[in-house]
Amino acid sequence: MSEQQALQVIRNQIDDTDLQIQALLNKRAAMAEEVARIKMANGEQTGDFYRPEREAMVLRQVMERNEGPLDAKEIARLFREIMSACLAAEKPLQVAYLGPEGSFTQAAALKQFGGSVELQSMATIADVFHAVETGNASYGLVPVENSTEGMVSHTLDRFITSPLKINGEVSLRIHHYLLSKSTELADIKVVYAHPQALAQCRKWLAEHLPETALVAVNSNSEAAKKVANESNAAAIAANRAAEIYDLFVLASNIEDEADNTTRFIVIGTQDVGPSGVDKTALLVSTQNKPGALQILLKPLADSGISMTRIESRPSGKGIWEYVFFIDIDGHCQDKAVAEALKLLEQESSMCRVLGSYPKAVL
């Protein structure tokens, strides 16, 4: 058999396989539509069709049973898109994100929800919260923590007064690019970026642009949009923003830490069920007295529950009054977690579960 004949045999097999895949995809979409009809017949709202815990379980199963040659995470990403398309056949999700277009938050939203959602760009984190609170978006996506610079205070502060809950999380590896209309680094007199991005690139900026003015804006994509109309200016943003706003890449991967990663959270109104691999976020306050925090955390330690994060923020109700944001392993419906939370409520002046949700899969 000649090379051309051998290739044609394989190509015919690929065509047959593609037909089977296409038929199975349409079969899955038809099942998703039937799920929607059953839910609506039982009075459920279209906003309840997306179930983060179910999706997380499916993706973990996909990765566990994968036998290659495709990488397990690559297979999971393909299934994410399949689920996104099938969900859109039921009811497209409206997801608000910190924009404009080209932001890292948009990339995180696409990673979490797939390409079949309806994305809504918002100017500020507060606007993302407002869009979900008013029902103009089903979910929102906002940054909450960076591996280099720590927590995003604007996001934490919104939870002090917002009724929204955390429904999921996304981790995204962050690479920063210096973008400009100019082609020469020596021409740059001002650099725009989100405050976190400026901090994450502090060493690089000090070495390569020591005399340049650094100006903070609401998002990196806003910075890219801004410099598209300015000469002698640059933005720190994702490389995708260069294509969107017709900018040159003056420097790549200018972040100071090689493993720079940002965690984003999904905000919504629903209570998410257990997926088997979950975390719970708490908002807690206590009286300002010696040993108060130690007393507050004792129920968690006694129950053997791992606390993965604690941050304090001003409560906004009085001088030197603080609230604590605490992340713990497990779901609030888990027996050990539920019992610890009862004790925690007794020891605190306020204890609110911000959400139990699946840990990031991809």
Protein backbone atom coordinates (compact mmCIF):
# COMPACT_ATOMS: atom_id res chain seq x y z
CA MET A 1 0.00 0.00 0.00
CA SER A 2 1.35 3.42 -0.97
CA GLU A 3 1.69 6.30 1.49
CA GLN A 4 -1.22 8.10 -0.17
CA GLN A 5 -3.43 5.02 0.10
CA ALA A 6 -2.50 4.49 3.75
CA LEU A 7 -3.30 8.14 4.54
CA GLN A 8 -6.64 7.89 2.73
CA VAL A 9 -7.60 4.88 4.87
CA ILE A 10 -6.88 6.84 8.04
CA ARG A 11 -8.74 9.90 6.72
CA ASN A 12 -11.79 7.78 5.95
CA GLN A 13 -11.68 6.42 9.52
CA ILE A 14 -11.42 9.98 10.86
CA ASP A 15 -14.47 11.01 8.80
CA ASP A 16 -16.46 8.05 10.18
CA THR A 17 -15.38 8.91 13.73
CA ASP A 18 -16.35 12.56 13.22
CA LEU A 19 -19.83 11.46 12.13
CA GLN A 20 -20.18 9.42 15.31
CA ILE A 21 -18.93 12.29 17.47
CA GLN A 22 -21.35 14.73 15.83
CA ALA A 23 -24.29 12.36 16.31
CA LEU A 24 -23.39 11.85 19.98
CA LEU A 25 -23.01 15.59 20.58
CA ASN A 26 -26.48 16.24 19.18
CA LYS A 27 -27.82 13.37 21.27
CA ARG A 28 -26.29 14.95 24.38
CA ALA A 29 -27.76 18.35 23.48
CA ALA A 30 -31.21 16.77 23.06
CA MET A 31 -30.85 15.23 26.53
CA ALA A 32 -29.92 18.64 27.95
CA GLU A 33 -33.06 20.12 26.40
CA GLU A 34 -35.12 17.34 28.00
CA VAL A 35 -33.52 18.16 31.37
CA ALA A 36 -34.60 21.77 30.88
CA ARG A 37 -38.19 20.75 30.12
CA ILE A 38 -38.34 18.58 33.25
CA LYS A 39 -36.96 21.37 35.43
CA MET A 40 -39.33 23.99 34.04
CA ALA A 41 -42.29 21.62 34.46
CA ASN A 42 -41.34 21.41 38.15
CA GLY A 43 -41.20 25.18 38.53
CA GLU A 44 -37.44 25.71 38.44
CA GLN A 45 -36.11 28.96 37.02
CA THR A 46 -33.80 29.03 34.01
CA GLY A 47 -31.08 30.51 36.20
CA ASP A 48 -30.97 27.21 38.15
CA PHE A 49 -29.99 25.13 35.10
CA TYR A 50 -26.28 25.65 35.68
CA ARG A 51 -25.09 23.43 38.52
CA PRO A 52 -21.42 24.05 39.43
CA GLU A 53 -21.16 20.94 41.59
CA ARG A 54 -22.49 18.68 38.82
CA GLU A 55 -20.10 20.19 36.27
CA ALA A 56 -17.13 19.80 38.62
CA MET A 57 -17.96 16.13 39.22
CA VAL A 58 -18.26 15.46 35.48
CA LEU A 59 -14.93 17.13 34.71
CA ARG A 60 -13.12 15.24 37.49
CA GLN A 61 -14.55 11.95 36.19
CA VAL A 62 -13.44 12.84 32.66
CA MET A 63 -9.88 13.44 33.86
CA GLU A 64 -9.78 10.31 36.04
CA ARG A 65 -10.90 7.95 33.29
CA ASN A 66 -8.80 9.49 30.53
CA GLU A 67 -6.37 7.04 28.92
CA GLY A 68 -4.76 9.39 26.35
CA PRO A 69 -3.18 10.21 24.05
CA LEU A 70 -4.82 13.57 24.77
CA ASP A 71 -3.82 15.16 28.08
CA ALA A 72 -6.42 14.81 30.84
CA LYS A 73 -6.78 18.58 31.27
CA GLU A 74 -7.15 19.03 27.51
CA ILE A 75 -9.94 16.44 27.45
CA ALA A 76 -11.61 18.24 30.37
CA ARG A 77 -11.44 21.55 28.49
CA LEU A 78 -13.15 19.92 25.51
CA PHE A 79 -15.89 18.60 27.78
CA ARG A 80 -16.25 22.05 29.34
CA GLU A 81 -17.07 23.42 25.88
CA ILE A 82 -19.51 20.58 25.23
CA MET A 83 -21.33 21.30 28.48
CA SER A 84 -21.29 25.03 27.70
CA ALA A 85 -22.90 24.45 24.29
CA CYS A 86 -25.49 22.06 25.72
CA LEU A 87 -26.36 24.47 28.51
CA ALA A 88 -26.79 27.25 25.94
CA ALA A 89 -29.32 25.01 24.19
CA GLU A 90 -31.31 25.07 27.45
CA LYS A 91 -30.75 28.74 28.30
CA PRO A 92 -27.60 30.82 27.60
CA LEU A 93 -25.98 32.12 30.78
CA GLN A 94 -25.35 35.85 31.16
CA VAL A 95 -22.01 36.30 32.92
CA ALA A 96 -20.73 39.73 34.00
CA TYR A 97 -16.97 40.20 34.23
CA LEU A 98 -14.45 42.93 34.97
CA GLY A 99 -13.67 44.33 31.51
CA PRO A 100 -13.28 45.76 28.99
CA GLU A 101 -12.81 43.02 26.41
CA GLY A 102 -9.43 41.34 26.60
CA SER A 103 -9.10 41.32 30.40
CA PHE A 104 -7.76 38.40 32.41
CA THR A 105 -11.18 38.19 34.06
CA GLN A 106 -12.77 37.61 30.65
CA ALA A 107 -10.27 34.80 30.03
CA ALA A 108 -11.16 33.30 33.42
CA ALA A 109 -14.88 33.54 32.60
CA LEU A 110 -14.36 31.65 29.34
CA LYS A 111 -12.26 29.04 31.15
CA GLN A 112 -15.01 28.51 33.73
CA PHE A 113 -18.15 28.72 31.58
CA GLY A 114 -16.96 27.91 28.06
CA GLY A 115 -17.46 29.88 24.88
CA SER A 116 -21.25 29.58 24.62
CA VAL A 117 -22.10 32.03 27.40
CA GLU A 118 -23.18 35.64 26.92
CA LEU A 119 -20.44 37.77 28.47
CA GLN A 120 -21.17 41.26 29.81
CA SER A 121 -18.22 43.61 30.28
CA MET A 122 -18.31 45.79 33.42
CA ALA A 123 -16.13 48.77 34.29
CA THR A 124 -15.60 47.95 37.99
CA ILE A 125 -15.87 45.09 40.47
CA ALA A 126 -18.80 46.92 42.09
CA ASP A 127 -20.56 46.95 38.71
CA VAL A 128 -20.14 43.17 38.41
CA PHE A 129 -21.75 42.67 41.83
CA HIS A 130 -24.57 45.07 40.93
CA ALA A 131 -25.32 43.26 37.65
CA VAL A 132 -25.84 39.98 39.50
CA GLU A 133 -27.68 41.55 42.43
CA THR A 134 -30.22 43.17 40.09
CA GLY A 135 -30.68 40.06 37.95
CA ASN A 136 -29.13 41.58 34.84
CA ALA A 137 -26.57 38.76 34.87
CA SER A 138 -26.89 35.17 36.06
CA TYR A 139 -23.36 35.12 37.45
CA GLY A 140 -20.36 37.37 37.83
CA LEU A 141 -16.64 36.75 37.77
CA VAL A 142 -14.20 38.87 39.78
CA PRO A 143 -10.56 38.52 40.90
CA VAL A 144 -10.10 37.70 44.57
CA GLU A 145 -6.48 36.69 45.14
CA ASN A 146 -3.07 36.84 43.46
CA SER A 147 -0.17 34.55 44.37
CA THR A 148 2.22 37.52 44.44
CA GLU A 149 0.19 40.42 45.82
CA GLY A 150 -2.42 38.68 47.97
CA MET A 151 -6.13 39.43 48.29
CA VAL A 152 -8.09 41.88 46.13
CA SER A 153 -9.59 44.14 48.77
CA HIS A 154 -12.31 45.62 46.52
CA THR A 155 -13.80 42.15 46.06
CA LEU A 156 -13.70 41.25 49.76
CA ASP A 157 -15.23 44.57 50.81
CA ARG A 158 -18.25 44.06 48.55
CA PHE A 159 -19.20 40.89 50.45
CA ILE A 160 -19.62 42.85 53.68
CA THR A 161 -22.86 44.37 52.35
CA SER A 162 -23.76 42.19 49.35
CA PRO A 163 -26.19 39.25 49.66
CA LEU A 164 -24.42 37.34 46.87
CA LYS A 165 -22.70 34.02 47.39
CA ILE A 166 -19.58 32.38 46.01
CA ASN A 167 -20.55 29.65 43.54
CA GLY A 168 -17.16 28.63 42.16
CA GLU A 169 -13.52 29.49 41.62
CA VAL A 170 -11.09 29.71 38.70
CA SER A 171 -7.28 29.78 38.76
CA LEU A 172 -5.50 31.45 35.86
CA ARG A 173 -1.78 31.62 35.15
CA ILE A 174 -1.02 35.30 34.51
CA HIS A 175 1.48 36.56 31.94
CA HIS A 176 1.80 40.33 31.62
CA TYR A 177 2.70 42.11 28.39
CA LEU A 178 3.72 45.73 27.83
CA LEU A 179 1.57 47.06 24.96
CA SER A 180 1.73 50.36 23.09
CA LYS A 181 1.05 52.17 19.82
CA SER A 182 4.75 52.99 19.85
CA THR A 183 7.36 50.45 18.74
CA GLU A 184 10.15 51.78 20.97
CA LEU A 185 10.44 51.28 24.72
CA ALA A 186 12.40 54.55 24.98
CA ASP A 187 9.31 56.50 23.83
CA ILE A 188 7.18 55.46 26.82
CA LYS A 189 6.45 58.23 29.35
CA VAL A 190 3.51 56.68 31.20
CA VAL A 191 2.32 53.14 31.96
CA TYR A 192 -1.32 52.33 32.76
CA ALA A 193 -2.45 49.16 34.53
CA HIS A 194 -4.58 47.76 37.33
CA PRO A 195 -2.87 48.34 40.72
CA GLN A 196 -2.31 44.60 41.13
CA ALA A 197 -0.58 44.39 37.73
CA LEU A 198 1.66 47.34 38.57
CA ALA A 199 2.64 45.59 41.80
CA GLN A 200 3.22 42.25 40.07
CA CYS A 201 5.62 43.92 37.59
CA ARG A 202 7.30 46.25 40.09
CA LYS A 203 10.86 44.97 39.62
CA TRP A 204 10.69 44.89 35.83
CA LEU A 205 9.31 48.43 35.66
CA ALA A 206 11.97 49.73 38.05
CA GLU A 207 14.72 48.20 35.93
CA HIS A 208 13.47 49.06 32.43
CA LEU A 209 11.30 52.17 32.94
CA PRO A 210 12.62 53.80 36.14
CA GLU A 211 11.58 57.36 35.19
CA THR A 212 8.17 56.46 33.77
CA ALA A 213 4.93 57.54 35.45
CA LEU A 214 2.80 54.62 36.67
CA VAL A 215 -0.96 55.26 36.63
CA ALA A 216 -3.52 52.86 38.13
CA VAL A 217 -6.81 52.19 36.31
CA ASN A 218 -9.77 49.86 36.94
CA SER A 219 -8.49 47.00 34.77
CA ASN A 220 -5.62 46.05 32.47
CA SER A 221 -7.91 45.86 29.45
CA GLU A 222 -9.10 49.40 30.22
CA ALA A 223 -5.42 50.38 30.18
CA ALA A 224 -4.95 48.79 26.75
CA LYS A 225 -8.05 50.52 25.42
CA LYS A 226 -6.76 53.83 26.77
CA VAL A 227 -3.29 53.67 25.20
CA ALA A 228 -4.79 52.80 21.82
CA ASN A 229 -5.53 56.54 21.58
CA GLU A 230 -2.39 57.90 23.24
CA SER A 231 1.17 58.35 22.04
CA ASN A 232 4.15 57.71 24.33
CA ALA A 233 1.98 55.54 26.59
CA ALA A 234 1.93 51.83 27.36
CA ALA A 235 -0.37 49.38 29.12
CA ILE A 236 0.25 46.23 31.08
CA ALA A 237 -2.28 43.71 29.82
CA ALA A 238 -2.86 40.25 28.35
CA ASN A 239 -1.42 39.53 24.92
CA ARG A 240 -4.96 39.14 23.53
CA ALA A 241 -5.51 42.85 24.21
CA ALA A 242 -2.80 43.65 21.65
CA GLU A 243 -4.93 42.11 18.91
CA ILE A 244 -8.16 43.70 20.11
CA TYR A 245 -6.78 47.24 20.38
CA ASP A 246 -4.17 47.06 17.58
CA LEU A 247 -1.12 47.52 19.81
CA PHE A 248 2.50 46.46 19.57
CA VAL A 249 4.04 44.12 22.15
CA LEU A 250 7.07 45.94 23.58
CA ALA A 251 7.89 43.26 26.16
CA SER A 252 6.53 39.84 27.12
CA ASN A 253 6.17 38.03 30.46
CA ILE A 254 7.20 41.06 32.52
CA GLU A 255 5.72 39.71 35.77
CA ASP A 256 8.28 39.45 38.56
CA GLU A 257 7.27 35.94 39.69
CA ALA A 258 7.43 33.07 37.19
CA ASP A 259 4.44 31.26 38.73
CA ASN A 260 2.23 34.36 38.99
CA THR A 261 -1.37 33.11 39.31
CA THR A 262 -4.67 34.83 40.04
CA ARG A 263 -7.71 33.20 41.61
CA PHE A 264 -11.12 34.41 40.49
CA ILE A 265 -14.48 33.64 42.08
CA VAL A 266 -17.90 33.08 40.56
CA ILE A 267 -20.56 35.12 42.34
CA GLY A 268 -24.25 34.25 42.16
CA THR A 269 -27.42 33.75 44.15
CA GLN A 270 -27.72 29.97 44.39
CA ASP A 271 -26.66 27.52 47.07
CA VAL A 272 -24.25 25.03 45.52
CA GLY A 273 -24.47 21.39 46.60
CA PRO A 274 -21.50 19.17 47.49
CA SER A 275 -19.24 17.99 44.66
CA GLY A 276 -16.98 15.86 46.83
CA VAL A 277 -13.99 18.24 46.64
CA ASP A 278 -15.16 21.57 48.04
CA LYS A 279 -14.24 24.59 50.10
CA THR A 280 -16.33 26.97 52.18
CA ALA A 281 -15.88 30.72 52.52
CA LEU A 282 -16.90 32.44 55.76
CA LEU A 283 -17.37 36.05 56.86
CA VAL A 284 -16.90 36.28 60.63
CA SER A 285 -16.65 39.04 63.21
CA THR A 286 -15.88 38.94 66.91
CA GLN A 287 -15.57 41.28 69.85
CA ASN A 288 -12.34 43.27 70.08
CA LYS A 289 -10.80 41.63 73.16
CA PRO A 290 -7.63 39.67 73.96
CA GLY A 291 -7.67 36.12 72.59
CA ALA A 292 -10.89 36.66 70.63
CA LEU A 293 -9.49 35.34 67.34
CA GLN A 294 -7.96 32.28 68.98
CA ILE A 295 -11.29 31.48 70.64
CA LEU A 296 -13.04 32.03 67.33
CA LEU A 297 -10.85 29.56 65.44
CA LYS A 298 -10.81 26.86 68.12
CA PRO A 299 -13.94 25.02 66.82
CA LEU A 300 -12.24 24.58 63.45
CA ALA A 301 -9.06 23.21 64.99
CA ASP A 302 -10.95 20.90 67.37
CA SER A 303 -12.93 19.50 64.44
CA GLY A 304 -9.81 18.84 62.38
CA ILE A 305 -10.95 21.22 59.63
CA SER A 306 -8.16 22.79 57.59
CA MET A 307 -8.25 26.58 57.34
CA THR A 308 -6.64 27.56 54.03
CA ARG A 309 -6.97 31.35 54.22
CA ILE A 310 -7.76 34.13 56.69
CA GLU A 311 -7.86 37.85 55.90
CA SER A 312 -9.04 40.79 57.98
CA ARG A 313 -10.82 43.85 56.61
CA PRO A 314 -12.33 46.97 58.28
CA SER A 315 -15.99 46.33 58.99
CA GLY A 316 -17.04 49.85 57.99
CA LYS A 317 -19.16 50.07 61.15
CA GLY A 318 -16.67 51.64 63.50
CA ILE A 319 -13.04 52.59 64.03
CA TRP A 320 -10.78 49.56 64.56
CA GLU A 321 -13.65 47.12 64.06
CA TYR A 322 -12.76 44.26 61.70
CA VAL A 323 -14.32 41.28 59.99
CA PHE A 324 -12.46 38.12 58.99
CA PHE A 325 -12.70 36.28 55.68
CA ILE A 326 -11.92 32.61 56.26
CA ASP A 327 -11.61 29.76 53.74
CA ILE A 328 -11.86 26.18 55.00
CA ASP A 329 -11.77 22.78 53.33
CA GLY A 330 -15.09 20.97 52.97
CA HIS A 331 -18.74 21.77 52.28
CA CYS A 332 -21.11 23.32 54.81
CA GLN A 333 -23.32 20.22 54.44
CA ASP A 334 -20.46 17.94 55.51
CA LYS A 335 -21.14 16.69 59.05
CA ALA A 336 -17.84 17.88 60.54
CA VAL A 337 -18.08 21.30 58.90
CA ALA A 338 -21.73 21.78 59.89
CA GLU A 339 -20.96 20.97 63.54
CA ALA A 340 -17.95 23.29 63.59
CA LEU A 341 -20.01 26.11 62.10
CA LYS A 342 -22.60 25.76 64.89
CA LEU A 343 -19.85 26.22 67.47
CA LEU A 344 -18.35 29.07 65.48
CA GLU A 345 -21.69 30.89 65.47
CA GLN A 346 -21.81 30.66 69.27
CA GLU A 347 -18.33 32.17 69.67
CA SER A 348 -18.73 34.98 67.10
CA SER A 349 -20.81 38.11 66.98
CA MET A 350 -21.55 37.36 63.32
CA CYS A 351 -20.90 34.28 61.19
CA ARG A 352 -22.06 34.16 57.58
CA VAL A 353 -21.37 31.41 55.05
CA LEU A 354 -20.41 33.21 51.84
CA GLY A 355 -20.66 29.97 49.94
CA SER A 356 -19.62 26.35 49.67
CA TYR A 357 -18.40 25.51 46.18
CA PRO A 358 -16.22 23.10 44.16
CA LYS A 359 -12.49 23.64 44.17
CA ALA A 360 -11.10 24.65 40.79
CA VAL A 361 -10.80 21.63 38.49
CA LEU A 362 -8.69 23.05 35.65
